[in-house]
Amino acid sequence: MARARIDDGAGRAAVRAFAAEQAAASRDIRALAVRYTLQLLAEQAAGNTLEVRVPPFGAVQCIAGPRHTRGTPPNVVETDAATWLALVTGTLAWPDGLATGRIHASGSRADLAAHLPLL
């Protein structure tokens, strides 16, 4: 069963609240902001080639190309919530996140540079 779509107003408000509060943002705010931005990524870069994980809040498949259906995906990006939200808002550049180890990317299609920032 598909998850209900997060309303744009509520999602953007959560992202703004996280940006203003950062470490002091509640878990609920972080969760909503992450889930909303993952939803945006999946809509804007539709596909099933890359799995983007932001534990413990969510994961999506995106990017057009070969579909992955079973086992460990060959193309994975994983990061924490603060790093993910920095990437989608443009306060952290993709190459900088990779260079500092804040982003774990594996696979030949595990590059989101062309799709970030989202907001």
C-alpha atoms as a PDB file:
ATOM      1  CA  MET A   1       0.000   0.000   0.000  1.00  0.00           C
ATOM      2  CA  ALA A   2       1.350   3.415  -0.952  1.00  0.00           C
ATOM      3  CA  ARG A   3       1.917   6.050   1.673  1.00  0.00           C
ATOM      4  CA  ALA A   4      -0.276   9.113   1.694  1.00  0.00           C
ATOM      5  CA  ARG A   5       1.310  12.078  -0.049  1.00  0.00           C
ATOM      6  CA  ILE A   6       2.650  14.725   2.304  1.00  0.00           C
ATOM      7  CA  ASP A   7       1.043  18.101   1.669  1.00  0.00           C
ATOM      8  CA  ASP A   8       3.469  20.655   0.170  1.00  0.00           C
ATOM      9  CA  GLY A   9       2.576  23.295   2.768  1.00  0.00           C
ATOM     10  CA  ALA A  10       3.212  20.969   5.703  1.00  0.00           C
ATOM     11  CA  GLY A  11       6.371  19.563   4.139  1.00  0.00           C
ATOM     12  CA  ARG A  12       7.903  22.939   3.339  1.00  0.00           C
ATOM     13  CA  ALA A  13       7.009  24.205   6.814  1.00  0.00           C
ATOM     14  CA  ALA A  14       8.841  21.238   8.346  1.00  0.00           C
ATOM     15  CA  VAL A  15      11.925  21.907   6.205  1.00  0.00           C
ATOM     16  CA  ARG A  16      11.875  25.597   7.213  1.00  0.00           C
ATOM     17  CA  ALA A  17      11.464  24.658  10.889  1.00  0.00           C
ATOM     18  CA  PHE A  18      14.379  22.247  10.690  1.00  0.00           C
ATOM     19  CA  ALA A  19      16.547  24.876   8.987  1.00  0.00           C
ATOM     20  CA  ALA A  20      15.757  27.372  11.738  1.00  0.00           C
ATOM     21  CA  GLU A  21      16.243  24.985  14.653  1.00  0.00           C
ATOM     22  CA  GLN A  22      18.802  22.457  13.296  1.00  0.00           C
ATOM     23  CA  ALA A  23      19.927  20.233  16.212  1.00  0.00           C
ATOM     24  CA  ALA A  24      17.095  21.504  18.422  1.00  0.00           C
ATOM     25  CA  ALA A  25      14.420  20.464  15.914  1.00  0.00           C
ATOM     26  CA  SER A  26      12.108  17.792  17.254  1.00  0.00           C
ATOM     27  CA  ARG A  27      12.221  14.261  15.933  1.00  0.00           C
ATOM     28  CA  ASP A  28       8.766  14.774  14.409  1.00  0.00           C
ATOM     29  CA  ILE A  29       9.938  17.851  12.479  1.00  0.00           C
ATOM     30  CA  ARG A  30      13.050  16.041  11.215  1.00  0.00           C
ATOM     31  CA  ALA A  31      10.991  13.010  10.198  1.00  0.00           C
ATOM     32  CA  LEU A  32       8.420  15.066   8.301  1.00  0.00           C
ATOM     33  CA  ALA A  33      11.092  17.174   6.577  1.00  0.00           C
ATOM     34  CA  VAL A  34      13.041  14.081   5.487  1.00  0.00           C
ATOM     35  CA  ARG A  35       9.973  12.177   4.295  1.00  0.00           C
ATOM     36  CA  TYR A  36       8.694  15.190   2.390  1.00  0.00           C
ATOM     37  CA  THR A  37      12.002  15.796   0.604  1.00  0.00           C
ATOM     38  CA  LEU A  38      12.372  12.099  -0.229  1.00  0.00           C
ATOM     39  CA  GLN A  39       8.865  12.291  -1.691  1.00  0.00           C
ATOM     40  CA  LEU A  40       9.929  15.289  -3.814  1.00  0.00           C
ATOM     41  CA  LEU A  41      13.017  13.466  -5.033  1.00  0.00           C
ATOM     42  CA  ALA A  42      10.987  10.415  -6.043  1.00  0.00           C
ATOM     43  CA  GLU A  43       8.549  12.661  -7.944  1.00  0.00           C
ATOM     44  CA  GLN A  44      11.203  14.777  -9.666  1.00  0.00           C
ATOM     45  CA  ALA A  45      13.583  11.920 -10.514  1.00  0.00           C
ATOM     46  CA  ALA A  46      11.142   9.075 -11.062  1.00  0.00           C
ATOM     47  CA  GLY A  47      12.555   5.596 -11.515  1.00  0.00           C
ATOM     48  CA  ASN A  48      13.881   2.553  -9.689  1.00  0.00           C
ATOM     49  CA  THR A  49      17.636   2.529 -10.327  1.00  0.00           C
ATOM     50  CA  LEU A  50      18.875   4.196  -7.135  1.00  0.00           C
ATOM     51  CA  GLU A  51      17.752   3.690  -3.557  1.00  0.00           C
ATOM     52  CA  VAL A  52      18.166   6.712  -1.288  1.00  0.00           C
ATOM     53  CA  ARG A  53      18.104   5.907   2.427  1.00  0.00           C
ATOM     54  CA  VAL A  54      17.847   8.344   5.326  1.00  0.00           C
ATOM     55  CA  PRO A  55      17.516   6.113   8.394  1.00  0.00           C
ATOM     56  CA  PRO A  56      15.421   5.873  10.425  1.00  0.00           C
ATOM     57  CA  PHE A  57      12.992   8.125   8.584  1.00  0.00           C
ATOM     58  CA  GLY A  58      12.649   6.767   5.082  1.00  0.00           C
ATOM     59  CA  ALA A  59      13.931   5.444   1.794  1.00  0.00           C
ATOM     60  CA  VAL A  60      12.852   5.880  -1.814  1.00  0.00           C
ATOM     61  CA  GLN A  61      13.787   4.536  -5.190  1.00  0.00           C
ATOM     62  CA  CYS A  62      14.462   7.054  -7.924  1.00  0.00           C
ATOM     63  CA  ILE A  63      16.370   7.786 -11.142  1.00  0.00           C
ATOM     64  CA  ALA A  64      15.330   6.250 -14.451  1.00  0.00           C
ATOM     65  CA  GLY A  65      17.203   3.178 -15.637  1.00  0.00           C
ATOM     66  CA  PRO A  66      17.418  -0.528 -14.882  1.00  0.00           C
ATOM     67  CA  ARG A  67      14.958  -1.633 -12.226  1.00  0.00           C
ATOM     68  CA  HIS A  68      16.134  -3.361  -9.061  1.00  0.00           C
ATOM     69  CA  THR A  69      13.703  -5.859  -7.541  1.00  0.00           C
ATOM     70  CA  ARG A  70      15.397  -8.268  -5.094  1.00  0.00           C
ATOM     71  CA  GLY A  71      18.183  -8.299  -2.529  1.00  0.00           C
ATOM     72  CA  THR A  72      20.599  -5.478  -1.843  1.00  0.00           C
ATOM     73  CA  PRO A  73      20.296  -2.756  -4.484  1.00  0.00           C
ATOM     74  CA  PRO A  74      23.435  -2.185  -6.586  1.00  0.00           C
ATOM     75  CA  ASN A  75      23.049   1.609  -6.371  1.00  0.00           C
ATOM     76  CA  VAL A  76      22.536   3.087  -2.911  1.00  0.00           C
ATOM     77  CA  VAL A  77      22.929   6.494  -1.299  1.00  0.00           C
ATOM     78  CA  GLU A  78      22.667   6.665   2.480  1.00  0.00           C
ATOM     79  CA  THR A  79      23.073   9.552   4.871  1.00  0.00           C
ATOM     80  CA  ASP A  80      21.749  10.928   8.148  1.00  0.00           C
ATOM     81  CA  ALA A  81      18.824  13.336   8.363  1.00  0.00           C
ATOM     82  CA  ALA A  82      20.857  16.507   8.956  1.00  0.00           C
ATOM     83  CA  THR A  83      23.113  15.807   5.976  1.00  0.00           C
ATOM     84  CA  TRP A  84      20.161  14.938   3.732  1.00  0.00           C
ATOM     85  CA  LEU A  85      18.339  18.156   4.639  1.00  0.00           C
ATOM     86  CA  ALA A  86      21.526  20.166   4.062  1.00  0.00           C
ATOM     87  CA  LEU A  87      21.826  18.596   0.608  1.00  0.00           C
ATOM     88  CA  VAL A  88      18.220  19.239  -0.419  1.00  0.00           C
ATOM     89  CA  THR A  89      18.274  22.852   0.778  1.00  0.00           C
ATOM     90  CA  GLY A  90      21.633  23.612  -0.830  1.00  0.00           C
ATOM     91  CA  THR A  91      23.639  24.302   2.327  1.00  0.00           C
ATOM     92  CA  LEU A  92      25.839  21.279   1.530  1.00  0.00           C
ATOM     93  CA  ALA A  93      27.096  20.458  -1.954  1.00  0.00           C
ATOM     94  CA  TRP A  94      27.121  16.838  -3.123  1.00  0.00           C
ATOM     95  CA  PRO A  95      30.923  16.723  -3.715  1.00  0.00           C
ATOM     96  CA  ASP A  96      31.580  18.178  -0.248  1.00  0.00           C
ATOM     97  CA  GLY A  97      29.319  15.595   1.387  1.00  0.00           C
ATOM     98  CA  LEU A  98      31.124  12.777  -0.398  1.00  0.00           C
ATOM     99  CA  ALA A  99      34.571  14.171   0.412  1.00  0.00           C
ATOM    100  CA  THR A 100      33.806  14.463   4.122  1.00  0.00           C
ATOM    101  CA  GLY A 101      32.188  11.020   4.369  1.00  0.00           C
ATOM    102  CA  ARG A 102      28.782  12.380   5.302  1.00  0.00           C
ATOM    103  CA  ILE A 103      27.308  10.659   2.238  1.00  0.00           C
ATOM    104  CA  HIS A 104      27.766   6.946   1.610  1.00  0.00           C
ATOM    105  CA  ALA A 105      27.248   6.221  -2.085  1.00  0.00           C
ATOM    106  CA  SER A 106      27.799   2.915  -3.837  1.00  0.00           C
ATOM    107  CA  GLY A 107      27.148   1.850  -7.401  1.00  0.00           C
ATOM    108  CA  SER A 108      27.735   3.397 -10.784  1.00  0.00           C
ATOM    109  CA  ARG A 109      24.446   5.340 -10.667  1.00  0.00           C
ATOM    110  CA  ALA A 110      24.734   6.574  -7.065  1.00  0.00           C
ATOM    111  CA  ASP A 111      25.104  10.256  -7.883  1.00  0.00           C
ATOM    112  CA  LEU A 112      22.447  12.821  -7.005  1.00  0.00           C
ATOM    113  CA  ALA A 113      24.463  15.927  -7.913  1.00  0.00           C
ATOM    114  CA  ALA A 114      22.212  16.714 -10.885  1.00  0.00           C
ATOM    115  CA  HIS A 115      19.079  16.489  -8.719  1.00  0.00           C
ATOM    116  CA  LEU A 116      20.161  18.565  -5.711  1.00  0.00           C
ATOM    117  CA  PRO A 117      19.289  20.926  -4.202  1.00  0.00           C
ATOM    118  CA  LEU A 118      15.566  20.167  -4.326  1.00  0.00           C
ATOM    119  CA  LEU A 119      14.340  23.332  -2.586  1.00  0.00           C
END
